[in-house]
């Protein structure tokens, strides 16, 4: 039996609680969590001076470290993310030719079945496409945006359903609410994004079972009515309707202005926000011009990618940096802010009893942070990895 104790740390549980205590791990599972010193008789790992959190969960990954889900093994990408303290990830497929979507989903499905501890756990596929409003696909390929007709939804479930955990349906498309209801009935989580539909259409999708707002404040144009009066957007609905349980935010400081982030937090509280990277191939790589898999050119500068026309094309900011940004932008204490990259995303997938929390019975996916919020040690299923990455580390005031 592989049984040991992590001692001396300031424990962030993933649900907003924090205390000085210890965590006992047995065969990759958290056996016991308690305040104060650890009982004698166990091998101990001294984490004095560190804070200990659940492993981070990224719900929106398309690539990183010069690798792409379109051409590379998802497990190779997941190995790089584990080094950052991201112990679980959900890969994201945008608007692509159908055959490409199916191929990528098959590759991700194989990665889901892998239980090795040298890579982040692959949770499944988030189909951000193809159900997007064509004029709001952003840098995605608008020619492959589709309406969620009953036939197309069934085809999606038949061709890719085994790998899919979450599907985006843009309110305002013909058949939107009906598609949401069918997807929910099949066990999929439904998000809403890439839409400038009026509030009434958003409410229809919510009533049909949509529970997630996809990357808030991105790829919608805002709604100004004929009289020049601001109309409610999908974000305003999410801020006021708690049936939309979780709100995704790309916290790179560019996709969402800090003021807008604070507005979401003020409206819904720290238990509703999930930070997502929307990470592209060049995340974790040097700045400069690059070519996308489809041949289009773009430029990575700082934490974002842009097309040659200046349009944002995913983020290049990694999840530890987004966590630090979130703390800086909102003023939340780290033990509460950590929910947005641990407990909240786990709950949004219905996996709170497995990941995202430091609690008895959960998998021992854990991260030790120093007092500048830098990742220092990482455990995946109770096994400490030896090559923690310094990618994306930015010192902030403790």
Protein backbone atom coordinates (compact mmCIF):
# COMPACT_ATOMS: atom_id res chain seq x y z
CA UNK A 1 0.00 0.00 0.00
CA UNK A 2 1.30 3.44 -0.95
CA UNK A 3 0.19 5.55 2.00
CA UNK A 4 1.70 8.87 3.07
CA UNK A 5 0.82 12.24 4.56
CA UNK A 6 1.25 15.76 3.25
CA UNK A 7 1.88 17.95 6.27
CA UNK A 8 2.49 21.55 7.23
CA UNK A 9 0.58 23.10 4.33
CA UNK A 10 -2.13 25.75 4.27
CA UNK A 11 -4.90 23.66 2.71
CA UNK A 12 -7.23 25.18 0.09
CA UNK A 13 -10.04 22.66 -0.19
CA UNK A 14 -11.51 23.82 -3.52
CA UNK A 15 -14.83 24.88 -2.01
CA UNK A 16 -13.67 28.18 -0.51
CA UNK A 17 -12.39 26.83 2.80
CA UNK A 18 -8.79 27.08 4.01
CA UNK A 19 -6.92 25.88 7.10
CA UNK A 20 -3.53 24.69 8.29
CA UNK A 21 -3.62 20.94 8.30
CA UNK A 22 -2.64 17.65 6.73
CA UNK A 23 -3.82 15.32 3.98
CA UNK A 24 -3.40 11.54 4.07
CA UNK A 25 -3.17 9.81 0.69
CA UNK A 26 -3.63 6.07 0.20
CA UNK A 27 -3.14 4.37 -3.17
CA UNK A 28 -3.82 7.55 -5.09
CA UNK A 29 -6.98 8.51 -3.19
CA UNK A 30 -7.38 11.10 -0.46
CA UNK A 31 -8.10 9.08 2.68
CA UNK A 32 -8.32 11.79 5.32
CA UNK A 33 -8.15 15.58 5.62
CA UNK A 34 -7.90 17.38 8.93
CA UNK A 35 -6.71 20.49 10.67
CA UNK A 36 -3.53 20.49 12.70
CA UNK A 37 -0.55 18.15 12.76
CA UNK A 38 -0.56 14.66 11.32
CA UNK A 39 -0.58 11.54 13.51
CA UNK A 40 2.74 9.76 13.87
CA UNK A 41 3.65 6.58 12.04
CA UNK A 42 3.21 7.65 8.41
CA UNK A 43 5.79 8.70 5.83
CA UNK A 44 5.51 12.49 5.61
CA UNK A 45 6.03 15.09 2.92
CA UNK A 46 6.71 18.43 4.60
CA UNK A 47 4.95 21.27 2.79
CA UNK A 48 5.67 23.99 5.32
CA UNK A 49 5.49 27.38 3.62
CA UNK A 50 3.29 26.08 0.81
CA UNK A 51 -0.43 26.17 0.13
CA UNK A 52 -1.96 22.91 -1.08
CA UNK A 53 -4.87 22.93 -3.52
CA UNK A 54 -6.69 20.40 -5.66
CA UNK A 55 -5.20 19.93 -9.10
CA UNK A 56 -6.42 22.48 -11.62
CA UNK A 57 -9.03 21.63 -14.26
CA UNK A 58 -9.09 23.30 -17.69
CA UNK A 59 -12.40 22.87 -19.50
CA UNK A 60 -11.30 24.36 -22.83
CA UNK A 61 -8.02 23.23 -24.40
CA UNK A 62 -7.29 23.15 -28.13
CA UNK A 63 -3.53 22.74 -27.92
CA UNK A 64 -0.37 24.19 -26.51
CA UNK A 65 3.41 23.94 -26.53
CA UNK A 66 3.42 23.79 -30.35
CA UNK A 67 0.95 20.91 -30.39
CA UNK A 68 -2.61 20.84 -31.70
CA UNK A 69 -5.47 18.40 -31.21
CA UNK A 70 -5.89 18.50 -35.00
CA UNK A 71 -2.55 16.84 -35.69
CA UNK A 72 -1.02 15.61 -32.43
CA UNK A 73 -1.73 12.99 -29.80
CA UNK A 74 -3.92 14.60 -27.11
CA UNK A 75 -1.93 12.75 -24.45
CA UNK A 76 1.24 14.57 -25.49
CA UNK A 77 -0.58 17.85 -24.87
CA UNK A 78 -1.98 16.54 -21.58
CA UNK A 79 1.54 15.66 -20.41
CA UNK A 80 2.63 19.28 -20.83
CA UNK A 81 -0.41 20.56 -18.98
CA UNK A 82 0.23 18.25 -16.04
CA UNK A 83 3.60 19.93 -15.55
CA UNK A 84 1.70 23.19 -14.96
CA UNK A 85 -0.48 21.71 -12.23
CA UNK A 86 -3.42 21.11 -14.60
CA UNK A 87 -4.32 17.58 -13.58
CA UNK A 88 -7.51 17.28 -15.68
CA UNK A 89 -8.49 18.82 -18.99
CA UNK A 90 -11.35 18.83 -21.46
CA UNK A 91 -10.35 19.22 -25.09
CA UNK A 92 -12.31 21.63 -27.27
CA UNK A 93 -13.33 21.25 -30.93
CA UNK A 94 -14.43 24.36 -32.82
CA UNK A 95 -16.07 24.74 -36.22
CA UNK A 96 -14.30 22.27 -38.51
CA UNK A 97 -15.10 20.02 -41.45
CA UNK A 98 -17.21 17.16 -40.11
CA UNK A 99 -14.64 14.47 -40.89
CA UNK A 100 -11.99 16.44 -39.00
CA UNK A 101 -14.26 16.75 -35.98
CA UNK A 102 -14.88 13.00 -35.96
CA UNK A 103 -11.19 12.19 -36.26
CA UNK A 104 -10.25 14.52 -33.41
CA UNK A 105 -13.05 13.13 -31.23
CA UNK A 106 -11.80 9.60 -31.84
CA UNK A 107 -8.28 10.59 -30.81
CA UNK A 108 -9.55 12.27 -27.67
CA UNK A 109 -11.74 9.26 -26.86
CA UNK A 110 -8.65 7.05 -26.81
CA UNK A 111 -6.94 9.53 -24.49
CA UNK A 112 -9.94 9.47 -22.12
CA UNK A 113 -9.42 5.76 -21.56
CA UNK A 114 -5.78 6.26 -20.53
CA UNK A 115 -5.19 6.23 -16.77
CA UNK A 116 -1.44 6.79 -16.71
CA UNK A 117 -0.21 9.32 -14.15
CA UNK A 118 2.28 11.08 -16.45
CA UNK A 119 -0.43 13.17 -18.13
CA UNK A 120 -3.40 15.26 -17.11
CA UNK A 121 -6.57 13.21 -17.01
CA UNK A 122 -8.48 13.73 -20.27
CA UNK A 123 -12.14 14.26 -19.41
CA UNK A 124 -13.66 14.30 -22.89
CA UNK A 125 -14.68 16.57 -25.75
CA UNK A 126 -16.28 19.99 -25.57
CA UNK A 127 -17.93 20.58 -28.95
CA UNK A 128 -17.76 24.36 -29.12
CA UNK A 129 -18.73 23.93 -32.76
CA UNK A 130 -20.49 23.45 -35.06
CA UNK A 131 -23.64 25.05 -33.56
CA UNK A 132 -22.54 28.69 -33.69
CA UNK A 133 -24.12 31.73 -35.30
CA UNK A 134 -22.10 32.11 -38.53
CA UNK A 135 -21.46 35.83 -38.06
CA UNK A 136 -20.09 35.20 -34.55
CA UNK A 137 -17.64 32.35 -35.06
CA UNK A 138 -14.69 34.62 -34.29
CA UNK A 139 -11.49 33.15 -35.67
CA UNK A 140 -13.16 29.79 -36.26
CA UNK A 141 -14.14 28.66 -39.74
CA UNK A 142 -17.59 30.14 -40.30
CA UNK A 143 -18.21 28.01 -43.39
CA UNK A 144 -18.54 24.98 -41.12
CA UNK A 145 -21.00 26.48 -38.66
CA UNK A 146 -24.22 24.46 -38.75
CA UNK A 147 -27.78 24.75 -37.54
CA UNK A 148 -28.72 22.23 -34.83
CA UNK A 149 -31.36 20.45 -36.86
CA UNK A 150 -32.66 17.16 -35.41
CA UNK A 151 -30.74 15.28 -38.10
CA UNK A 152 -27.45 17.05 -37.37
CA UNK A 153 -27.80 16.63 -33.62
CA UNK A 154 -28.42 12.90 -34.05
CA UNK A 155 -25.44 12.64 -36.37
CA UNK A 156 -23.28 14.37 -33.78
CA UNK A 157 -24.39 11.92 -31.10
CA UNK A 158 -23.84 8.89 -33.34
CA UNK A 159 -20.47 9.94 -34.75
CA UNK A 160 -18.93 11.53 -31.65
CA UNK A 161 -21.28 11.01 -28.73
CA UNK A 162 -19.09 8.56 -26.87
CA UNK A 163 -16.37 11.15 -26.41
CA UNK A 164 -18.53 14.23 -25.88
CA UNK A 165 -19.05 15.71 -22.43
CA UNK A 166 -20.29 19.19 -23.40
CA UNK A 167 -21.86 20.78 -26.48
CA UNK A 168 -22.34 24.44 -27.31
CA UNK A 169 -25.65 25.52 -28.82
CA UNK A 170 -25.89 29.18 -29.80
CA UNK A 171 -29.29 30.60 -28.84
CA UNK A 172 -30.97 32.15 -31.86
CA UNK A 173 -30.25 29.33 -34.28
CA UNK A 174 -33.29 27.54 -35.72
CA UNK A 175 -34.18 24.61 -33.48
CA UNK A 176 -31.96 25.82 -30.62
CA UNK A 177 -34.17 24.83 -27.68
CA UNK A 178 -35.14 21.52 -29.24
CA UNK A 179 -31.48 20.69 -29.76
CA UNK A 180 -30.67 21.58 -26.16
CA UNK A 181 -33.42 19.29 -24.91
CA UNK A 182 -32.22 16.38 -27.06
CA UNK A 183 -28.60 16.79 -26.00
CA UNK A 184 -29.51 17.02 -22.32
CA UNK A 185 -31.68 13.91 -22.66
CA UNK A 186 -28.64 12.09 -24.07
CA UNK A 187 -26.60 13.02 -21.00
CA UNK A 188 -24.61 15.91 -22.44
CA UNK A 189 -23.97 19.23 -20.71
CA UNK A 190 -25.04 22.16 -22.88
CA UNK A 191 -23.29 25.52 -22.98
CA UNK A 192 -24.35 28.71 -24.73
CA UNK A 193 -21.94 31.00 -26.59
CA UNK A 194 -21.25 32.58 -30.01
CA UNK A 195 -24.68 34.21 -29.94
CA UNK A 196 -26.25 37.65 -29.96
CA UNK A 197 -29.76 36.30 -29.56
CA UNK A 198 -32.29 38.32 -27.57
CA UNK A 199 -32.90 37.32 -23.97
CA UNK A 200 -36.13 35.56 -24.86
CA UNK A 201 -34.29 33.03 -27.02
CA UNK A 202 -31.67 32.50 -24.34
CA UNK A 203 -34.39 31.81 -21.78
CA UNK A 204 -35.86 29.16 -24.09
CA UNK A 205 -32.55 27.34 -24.16
CA UNK A 206 -32.21 27.61 -20.39
CA UNK A 207 -35.70 26.19 -19.93
CA UNK A 208 -34.68 23.32 -22.22
CA UNK A 209 -31.73 22.50 -19.97
CA UNK A 210 -28.68 24.60 -20.89
CA UNK A 211 -26.64 25.17 -17.72
CA UNK A 212 -23.35 26.76 -18.82
CA UNK A 213 -22.39 30.12 -20.29
CA UNK A 214 -19.46 29.62 -22.65
CA UNK A 215 -16.53 32.12 -22.55
CA UNK A 216 -18.40 35.18 -21.31
CA UNK A 217 -18.23 38.48 -23.20
CA UNK A 218 -16.60 36.89 -26.26
CA UNK A 219 -17.96 36.48 -29.77
CA UNK A 220 -21.17 38.36 -29.28
CA UNK A 221 -21.72 41.85 -30.57
CA UNK A 222 -23.89 43.18 -27.78
CA UNK A 223 -27.44 44.20 -28.52
CA UNK A 224 -28.51 47.76 -29.17
CA UNK A 225 -32.19 47.97 -30.00
CA UNK A 226 -33.77 50.10 -32.72
CA UNK A 227 -34.30 52.92 -30.24
CA UNK A 228 -30.62 52.94 -29.28
CA UNK A 229 -31.28 51.27 -25.94
CA UNK A 230 -29.00 48.51 -24.66
CA UNK A 231 -30.72 45.14 -24.77
CA UNK A 232 -29.79 42.22 -22.51
CA UNK A 233 -27.15 39.85 -23.85
CA UNK A 234 -26.58 36.21 -23.05
CA UNK A 235 -24.25 37.34 -20.24
CA UNK A 236 -26.95 39.46 -18.63
CA UNK A 237 -29.25 36.45 -18.60
CA UNK A 238 -26.50 34.35 -17.00
CA UNK A 239 -25.94 36.99 -14.33
CA UNK A 240 -29.60 36.97 -13.34
CA UNK A 241 -30.76 33.39 -13.93
CA UNK A 242 -29.20 30.85 -11.58
CA UNK A 243 -30.37 27.98 -13.75
CA UNK A 244 -27.24 28.86 -15.72
CA UNK A 245 -25.07 27.35 -13.03
CA UNK A 246 -21.57 28.00 -14.37
CA UNK A 247 -19.99 30.84 -16.33
CA UNK A 248 -16.77 30.29 -18.29
CA UNK A 249 -14.28 33.17 -18.33
CA UNK A 250 -11.03 33.52 -20.29
CA UNK A 251 -8.99 35.40 -17.71
CA UNK A 252 -6.07 36.57 -19.85
CA UNK A 253 -7.00 40.24 -19.37
CA UNK A 254 -7.73 40.68 -23.07
CA UNK A 255 -10.69 38.45 -23.89
CA UNK A 256 -12.53 39.84 -20.86
CA UNK A 257 -11.87 43.23 -19.31
CA UNK A 258 -11.25 43.00 -15.55
CA UNK A 259 -14.28 45.22 -14.91
CA UNK A 260 -16.50 42.74 -16.75
CA UNK A 261 -14.98 39.90 -14.74
CA UNK A 262 -15.74 41.69 -11.50
CA UNK A 263 -19.28 42.29 -12.72
CA UNK A 264 -19.81 38.56 -13.25
CA UNK A 265 -18.35 37.84 -9.84
CA UNK A 266 -20.50 40.47 -8.14
CA UNK A 267 -23.62 39.09 -9.79
CA UNK A 268 -23.08 35.37 -9.27
CA UNK A 269 -20.40 34.90 -6.62
CA UNK A 270 -17.22 32.86 -6.60
CA UNK A 271 -19.08 29.56 -6.78
CA UNK A 272 -20.27 30.11 -10.35
CA UNK A 273 -17.17 31.15 -12.32
CA UNK A 274 -14.89 28.70 -14.14
CA UNK A 275 -11.66 29.96 -15.67
CA UNK A 276 -10.95 28.43 -19.09
CA UNK A 277 -7.90 29.00 -21.27
CA UNK A 278 -9.24 28.38 -24.78
CA UNK A 279 -5.56 27.57 -25.27
CA UNK A 280 -4.26 27.36 -28.82
CA UNK A 281 -1.20 25.68 -30.30
CA UNK A 282 1.17 28.49 -29.36
CA UNK A 283 0.29 28.63 -25.67
CA UNK A 284 3.53 28.21 -23.76
CA UNK A 285 5.63 29.20 -26.78
CA UNK A 286 7.58 32.39 -27.63
CA UNK A 287 5.87 35.39 -29.19
CA UNK A 288 5.94 35.69 -32.96
CA UNK A 289 4.13 34.86 -36.21
CA UNK A 290 2.79 31.35 -36.71
CA UNK A 291 0.68 29.37 -39.14
CA UNK A 292 -2.49 27.62 -38.04
CA UNK A 293 -3.26 24.04 -39.06
CA UNK A 294 -5.58 25.31 -41.80
CA UNK A 295 -2.85 27.52 -43.27
CA UNK A 296 -4.01 30.85 -41.89
CA UNK A 297 -1.36 33.09 -40.36
CA UNK A 298 -1.59 34.56 -36.90
CA UNK A 299 0.61 36.27 -34.36
CA UNK A 300 1.15 35.41 -30.72
CA UNK A 301 1.85 38.40 -28.55
CA UNK A 302 1.90 38.02 -24.79
CA UNK A 303 -1.06 36.01 -23.66
CA UNK A 304 -3.20 35.99 -26.80
CA UNK A 305 -3.19 35.00 -30.44
CA UNK A 306 -4.52 37.19 -33.23
CA UNK A 307 -5.23 36.66 -36.90
CA UNK A 308 -3.50 38.85 -39.47
CA UNK A 309 -6.63 41.03 -39.39
CA UNK A 310 -6.29 41.53 -35.63
CA UNK A 311 -9.12 39.20 -34.58
CA UNK A 312 -8.56 37.24 -31.37
CA UNK A 313 -7.99 33.56 -32.07
CA UNK A 314 -7.89 31.84 -28.74
CA UNK A 315 -5.71 32.52 -25.75
CA UNK A 316 -2.07 31.71 -25.18
CA UNK A 317 -2.26 32.33 -21.44
CA UNK A 318 -1.92 29.21 -19.32
CA UNK A 319 -4.18 28.32 -16.41
CA UNK A 320 -1.76 29.16 -13.55
CA UNK A 321 -1.41 32.66 -15.03
CA UNK A 322 -5.17 32.98 -15.35
CA UNK A 323 -5.54 32.04 -11.70
CA UNK A 324 -3.06 34.74 -10.71
CA UNK A 325 -4.84 37.23 -12.98
CA UNK A 326 -8.15 36.33 -11.38
CA UNK A 327 -6.76 37.02 -7.91
CA UNK A 328 -5.29 40.34 -9.06
CA UNK A 329 -8.34 41.45 -11.07
CA UNK A 330 -10.96 40.60 -8.44
CA UNK A 331 -9.19 40.90 -5.09
CA UNK A 332 -10.45 37.49 -4.01
CA UNK A 333 -8.23 35.67 -1.51
CA UNK A 334 -6.43 32.79 -3.25
CA UNK A 335 -8.19 30.08 -1.25
CA UNK A 336 -11.52 31.35 -2.57
CA UNK A 337 -10.31 32.17 -6.08
CA UNK A 338 -8.94 28.63 -6.49
CA UNK A 339 -12.53 27.41 -6.79
CA UNK A 340 -12.64 28.78 -10.34
CA UNK A 341 -9.98 26.31 -11.49
CA UNK A 342 -10.82 23.36 -9.23
CA UNK A 343 -14.14 22.84 -7.47
CA UNK A 344 -16.33 24.80 -9.87
CA UNK A 345 -15.23 23.12 -13.11
CA UNK A 346 -15.46 19.72 -11.40
CA UNK A 347 -19.01 20.49 -10.27
CA UNK A 348 -19.96 21.75 -13.73
CA UNK A 349 -19.17 18.28 -15.10
CA UNK A 350 -20.85 16.47 -12.21
CA UNK A 351 -17.48 15.17 -10.96
CA UNK A 352 -17.21 16.76 -7.51
CA UNK A 353 -16.88 13.37 -5.85
CA UNK A 354 -13.79 12.58 -7.94
CA UNK A 355 -11.77 15.70 -8.70
CA UNK A 356 -11.54 19.39 -7.87
CA UNK A 357 -11.65 19.04 -4.08
CA UNK A 358 -9.38 18.07 -1.23
CA UNK A 359 -11.79 15.71 0.47
CA UNK A 360 -11.85 12.09 1.54
CA UNK A 361 -12.63 9.84 -1.42
CA UNK A 362 -11.41 12.23 -4.11
CA UNK A 363 -8.49 11.43 -6.36
CA UNK A 364 -5.21 12.75 -4.97
CA UNK A 365 -4.58 15.27 -7.74
CA UNK A 366 -2.83 18.05 -5.84
CA UNK A 367 -0.77 21.21 -6.35
CA UNK A 368 1.58 22.97 -3.91
CA UNK A 369 1.89 26.75 -4.37
CA UNK A 370 4.47 29.12 -2.93
CA UNK A 371 3.57 32.49 -1.45
CA UNK A 372 3.82 34.16 -4.85
CA UNK A 373 1.20 31.79 -6.26
CA UNK A 374 3.68 29.82 -8.31
CA UNK A 375 3.23 26.09 -8.86
CA UNK A 376 6.03 24.23 -7.08
CA UNK A 377 4.94 20.61 -6.69
CA UNK A 378 2.31 18.48 -8.43
CA UNK A 379 0.77 15.09 -7.64
CA UNK A 380 -1.33 13.14 -10.12
CA UNK A 381 -3.31 10.28 -8.58
CA UNK A 382 -1.00 10.39 -5.61
CA UNK A 383 2.19 10.22 -7.67
CA UNK A 384 4.44 13.27 -7.55
CA UNK A 385 5.73 14.36 -10.94
CA UNK A 386 9.38 15.30 -11.21
CA UNK A 387 9.34 17.91 -13.97
CA UNK A 388 7.10 20.76 -12.79
CA UNK A 389 7.13 23.48 -15.43
CA UNK A 390 7.99 27.13 -14.97
CA UNK A 391 6.09 28.12 -18.13
CA UNK A 392 3.92 31.14 -17.61
CA UNK A 393 5.06 31.92 -14.10
CA UNK A 394 4.70 35.59 -13.26
CA UNK A 395 5.58 36.84 -9.81
CA UNK A 396 2.94 38.87 -8.01
CA UNK A 397 2.93 40.50 -4.64
CA UNK A 398 2.18 37.95 -1.92
